[in-house]
Amino acid sequence: MLSSKSNATAPLSILVVDDYPQSAESFAYVLRIENFTVTVAHSGDEALRIFDDVRPSVVMLDLLMRPLDGFDVAKAIRSRNQGAKTLLIAITGWAQEGLPQQCYDAGFNAFFLKPINYTELKKLLTWGVVLQH
């Protein structure tokens, strides 16, 4: 399991965005158990509204959403002042050659295929805690 409890710093604020509610809620459940502050969005438009209100440190974005996909949302977040400092994580069940590089080129910091390797996610989020402070 993930764990941010050993950190003396405040937990990261994470926005989980997935148009498949069960997937979004599953990610959020695991992250909340580990003491992260989590908000969930089920569309790109909702994600951008929440991003502007909450200003999360991390955004986990599903790539295949409509009408705004994860790439569109990532570009919109990066265009905002707070977006430059945000850790953007692409999440998808769509394995395609070259997709990780497309994500990095679009401004994502990390790429995960579903099901997510939580050990690797923990390393990334620990890095995010360090960068936040």
C-alpha atoms as a PDB file:
ATOM      1  CA  MET A   1       0.000   0.000   0.000  1.00  0.00           C
ATOM      2  CA  LEU A   2       0.942   3.636  -0.342  1.00  0.00           C
ATOM      3  CA  SER A   3       1.862   5.659   2.682  1.00  0.00           C
ATOM      4  CA  SER A   4       2.274   9.367   3.246  1.00  0.00           C
ATOM      5  CA  LYS A   5       1.717   9.012   7.002  1.00  0.00           C
ATOM      6  CA  SER A   6       5.412   8.819   7.800  1.00  0.00           C
ATOM      7  CA  ASN A   7       5.973  12.274   6.299  1.00  0.00           C
ATOM      8  CA  ALA A   8       5.986  15.164   8.741  1.00  0.00           C
ATOM      9  CA  THR A   9       4.625  17.412   5.986  1.00  0.00           C
ATOM     10  CA  ALA A  10       0.985  17.927   5.030  1.00  0.00           C
ATOM     11  CA  PRO A  11      -0.464  15.327   2.680  1.00  0.00           C
ATOM     12  CA  LEU A  12      -0.550  16.085  -1.008  1.00  0.00           C
ATOM     13  CA  SER A  13      -3.767  17.299  -2.541  1.00  0.00           C
ATOM     14  CA  ILE A  14      -4.605  14.978  -5.442  1.00  0.00           C
ATOM     15  CA  LEU A  15      -7.246  15.358  -8.149  1.00  0.00           C
ATOM     16  CA  VAL A  16      -8.242  12.018  -9.704  1.00  0.00           C
ATOM     17  CA  VAL A  17      -9.941  12.357 -13.093  1.00  0.00           C
ATOM     18  CA  ASP A  18     -11.570   9.385 -14.799  1.00  0.00           C
ATOM     19  CA  ASP A  19     -14.869   9.192 -16.682  1.00  0.00           C
ATOM     20  CA  TYR A  20     -15.351   5.651 -15.379  1.00  0.00           C
ATOM     21  CA  PRO A  21     -16.692   6.318 -11.847  1.00  0.00           C
ATOM     22  CA  GLN A  22     -15.635   2.964 -10.385  1.00  0.00           C
ATOM     23  CA  SER A  23     -12.059   3.514 -11.506  1.00  0.00           C
ATOM     24  CA  ALA A  24     -11.908   7.068 -10.143  1.00  0.00           C
ATOM     25  CA  GLU A  25     -13.428   6.043  -6.822  1.00  0.00           C
ATOM     26  CA  SER A  26     -11.063   3.057  -6.501  1.00  0.00           C
ATOM     27  CA  PHE A  27      -8.010   5.288  -6.971  1.00  0.00           C
ATOM     28  CA  ALA A  28      -9.446   7.825  -4.534  1.00  0.00           C
ATOM     29  CA  TYR A  29     -10.213   5.151  -1.932  1.00  0.00           C
ATOM     30  CA  VAL A  30      -6.650   3.822  -1.875  1.00  0.00           C
ATOM     31  CA  LEU A  31      -5.166   7.325  -1.764  1.00  0.00           C
ATOM     32  CA  ARG A  32      -7.471   8.448   1.058  1.00  0.00           C
ATOM     33  CA  ILE A  33      -6.604   5.392   3.145  1.00  0.00           C
ATOM     34  CA  GLU A  34      -3.010   6.527   2.852  1.00  0.00           C
ATOM     35  CA  ASN A  35      -3.891   9.992   4.164  1.00  0.00           C
ATOM     36  CA  PHE A  36      -3.800  11.925   0.892  1.00  0.00           C
ATOM     37  CA  THR A  37      -6.384  14.655   0.327  1.00  0.00           C
ATOM     38  CA  VAL A  38      -8.314  13.523  -2.754  1.00  0.00           C
ATOM     39  CA  THR A  39     -10.931  15.130  -4.981  1.00  0.00           C
ATOM     40  CA  VAL A  40     -12.577  13.244  -7.850  1.00  0.00           C
ATOM     41  CA  ALA A  41     -13.796  14.481 -11.238  1.00  0.00           C
ATOM     42  CA  HIS A  42     -15.561  12.421 -13.904  1.00  0.00           C
ATOM     43  CA  SER A  43     -14.947  14.655 -16.937  1.00  0.00           C
ATOM     44  CA  GLY A  44     -12.359  17.021 -18.308  1.00  0.00           C
ATOM     45  CA  ASP A  45     -14.619  20.051 -17.837  1.00  0.00           C
ATOM     46  CA  GLU A  46     -15.289  19.117 -14.216  1.00  0.00           C
ATOM     47  CA  ALA A  47     -11.556  18.548 -13.673  1.00  0.00           C
ATOM     48  CA  LEU A  48     -10.699  22.064 -14.845  1.00  0.00           C
ATOM     49  CA  ARG A  49     -13.361  23.642 -12.601  1.00  0.00           C
ATOM     50  CA  ILE A  50     -12.083  21.676  -9.611  1.00  0.00           C
ATOM     51  CA  PHE A  51      -8.461  22.446 -10.486  1.00  0.00           C
ATOM     52  CA  ASP A  52      -9.198  26.182 -10.413  1.00  0.00           C
ATOM     53  CA  ASP A  53     -10.987  25.888  -7.045  1.00  0.00           C
ATOM     54  CA  VAL A  54      -8.807  23.337  -5.226  1.00  0.00           C
ATOM     55  CA  ARG A  55      -5.381  23.894  -6.849  1.00  0.00           C
ATOM     56  CA  PRO A  56      -4.172  20.345  -6.237  1.00  0.00           C
ATOM     57  CA  SER A  57      -0.481  19.466  -6.175  1.00  0.00           C
ATOM     58  CA  VAL A  58      -1.081  16.321  -8.250  1.00  0.00           C
ATOM     59  CA  VAL A  59      -3.556  15.519 -11.025  1.00  0.00           C
ATOM     60  CA  MET A  60      -4.059  11.912 -12.128  1.00  0.00           C
ATOM     61  CA  LEU A  61      -5.719  12.064 -15.557  1.00  0.00           C
ATOM     62  CA  ASP A  62      -7.343   9.298 -17.564  1.00  0.00           C
ATOM     63  CA  LEU A  63      -6.404   9.840 -21.192  1.00  0.00           C
ATOM     64  CA  LEU A  64      -9.542   8.551 -22.934  1.00  0.00           C
ATOM     65  CA  MET A  65     -12.398  10.837 -21.909  1.00  0.00           C
ATOM     66  CA  ARG A  66     -14.866  12.853 -23.967  1.00  0.00           C
ATOM     67  CA  PRO A  67     -15.374  15.597 -24.923  1.00  0.00           C
ATOM     68  CA  LEU A  68     -12.105  16.784 -23.342  1.00  0.00           C
ATOM     69  CA  ASP A  69      -9.532  14.006 -23.191  1.00  0.00           C
ATOM     70  CA  GLY A  70      -6.583  13.825 -20.795  1.00  0.00           C
ATOM     71  CA  PHE A  71      -4.277  15.538 -23.301  1.00  0.00           C
ATOM     72  CA  ASP A  72      -6.659  18.512 -23.614  1.00  0.00           C
ATOM     73  CA  VAL A  73      -6.991  18.784 -19.835  1.00  0.00           C
ATOM     74  CA  ALA A  74      -3.206  18.560 -19.350  1.00  0.00           C
ATOM     75  CA  LYS A  75      -2.636  21.384 -21.841  1.00  0.00           C
ATOM     76  CA  ALA A  76      -5.293  23.522 -20.154  1.00  0.00           C
ATOM     77  CA  ILE A  77      -3.766  22.912 -16.716  1.00  0.00           C
ATOM     78  CA  ARG A  78      -0.253  23.713 -17.950  1.00  0.00           C
ATOM     79  CA  SER A  79      -1.535  27.017 -19.394  1.00  0.00           C
ATOM     80  CA  ARG A  80      -2.625  28.171 -15.918  1.00  0.00           C
ATOM     81  CA  ASN A  81      -0.202  29.827 -13.479  1.00  0.00           C
ATOM     82  CA  GLN A  82      -0.578  27.061 -10.869  1.00  0.00           C
ATOM     83  CA  GLY A  83      -0.373  24.420 -13.597  1.00  0.00           C
ATOM     84  CA  ALA A  84       3.363  24.822 -14.112  1.00  0.00           C
ATOM     85  CA  LYS A  85       4.021  23.403 -10.616  1.00  0.00           C
ATOM     86  CA  THR A  86       1.452  20.610 -10.786  1.00  0.00           C
ATOM     87  CA  LEU A  87       2.561  16.979 -11.007  1.00  0.00           C
ATOM     88  CA  LEU A  88       0.551  15.544 -13.930  1.00  0.00           C
ATOM     89  CA  ILE A  89       0.152  11.770 -14.096  1.00  0.00           C
ATOM     90  CA  ALA A  90      -1.356  10.098 -17.171  1.00  0.00           C
ATOM     91  CA  ILE A  91      -3.370   6.959 -16.441  1.00  0.00           C
ATOM     92  CA  THR A  92      -4.843   4.706 -19.103  1.00  0.00           C
ATOM     93  CA  GLY A  93      -5.787   1.168 -19.965  1.00  0.00           C
ATOM     94  CA  TRP A  94      -4.802   1.888 -23.567  1.00  0.00           C
ATOM     95  CA  ALA A  95      -1.394   0.403 -24.359  1.00  0.00           C
ATOM     96  CA  GLN A  96      -0.033   1.809 -27.594  1.00  0.00           C
ATOM     97  CA  GLU A  97       3.536   2.097 -28.809  1.00  0.00           C
ATOM     98  CA  GLY A  98       4.812   5.625 -28.360  1.00  0.00           C
ATOM     99  CA  LEU A  99       2.017   6.662 -25.996  1.00  0.00           C
ATOM    100  CA  PRO A 100       4.277   7.331 -22.985  1.00  0.00           C
ATOM    101  CA  GLN A 101       6.396   9.700 -25.084  1.00  0.00           C
ATOM    102  CA  GLN A 102       3.263  11.440 -26.379  1.00  0.00           C
ATOM    103  CA  CYS A 103       2.260  12.011 -22.753  1.00  0.00           C
ATOM    104  CA  TYR A 104       5.640  13.464 -21.804  1.00  0.00           C
ATOM    105  CA  ASP A 105       5.555  15.685 -24.898  1.00  0.00           C
ATOM    106  CA  ALA A 106       2.086  16.921 -23.848  1.00  0.00           C
ATOM    107  CA  GLY A 107       3.360  18.000 -20.419  1.00  0.00           C
ATOM    108  CA  PHE A 108       2.731  14.955 -18.254  1.00  0.00           C
ATOM    109  CA  ASN A 109       5.378  14.104 -15.653  1.00  0.00           C
ATOM    110  CA  ALA A 110       4.526  10.404 -15.455  1.00  0.00           C
ATOM    111  CA  PHE A 111       2.640   7.651 -17.281  1.00  0.00           C
ATOM    112  CA  PHE A 112       0.890   4.613 -15.755  1.00  0.00           C
ATOM    113  CA  LEU A 113      -0.998   1.787 -17.423  1.00  0.00           C
ATOM    114  CA  LYS A 114      -4.020   0.412 -15.602  1.00  0.00           C
ATOM    115  CA  PRO A 115      -3.937  -1.465 -13.352  1.00  0.00           C
ATOM    116  CA  ILE A 116      -1.572   0.971 -11.640  1.00  0.00           C
ATOM    117  CA  ASN A 117       1.574  -0.272  -9.939  1.00  0.00           C
ATOM    118  CA  TYR A 118       1.031   1.301  -6.509  1.00  0.00           C
ATOM    119  CA  THR A 119       4.659   0.793  -5.472  1.00  0.00           C
ATOM    120  CA  GLU A 120       5.776   2.996  -8.365  1.00  0.00           C
ATOM    121  CA  LEU A 121       2.983   5.487  -7.676  1.00  0.00           C
ATOM    122  CA  LYS A 122       4.137   5.703  -4.052  1.00  0.00           C
ATOM    123  CA  LYS A 123       7.662   6.585  -5.198  1.00  0.00           C
ATOM    124  CA  LEU A 124       6.293   9.289  -7.468  1.00  0.00           C
ATOM    125  CA  LEU A 125       4.012  10.767  -4.804  1.00  0.00           C
ATOM    126  CA  THR A 126       6.846  10.750  -2.266  1.00  0.00           C
ATOM    127  CA  TRP A 127       8.851  12.745  -4.804  1.00  0.00           C
ATOM    128  CA  GLY A 128       5.838  15.090  -5.091  1.00  0.00           C
ATOM    129  CA  VAL A 129       5.807  15.642  -1.312  1.00  0.00           C
ATOM    130  CA  VAL A 130       9.491  16.591  -1.414  1.00  0.00           C
ATOM    131  CA  LEU A 131       8.941  19.029  -4.284  1.00  0.00           C
ATOM    132  CA  GLN A 132       5.933  20.580  -2.568  1.00  0.00           C
ATOM    133  CA  HIS A 133       8.039  21.682   0.404  1.00  0.00           C
END
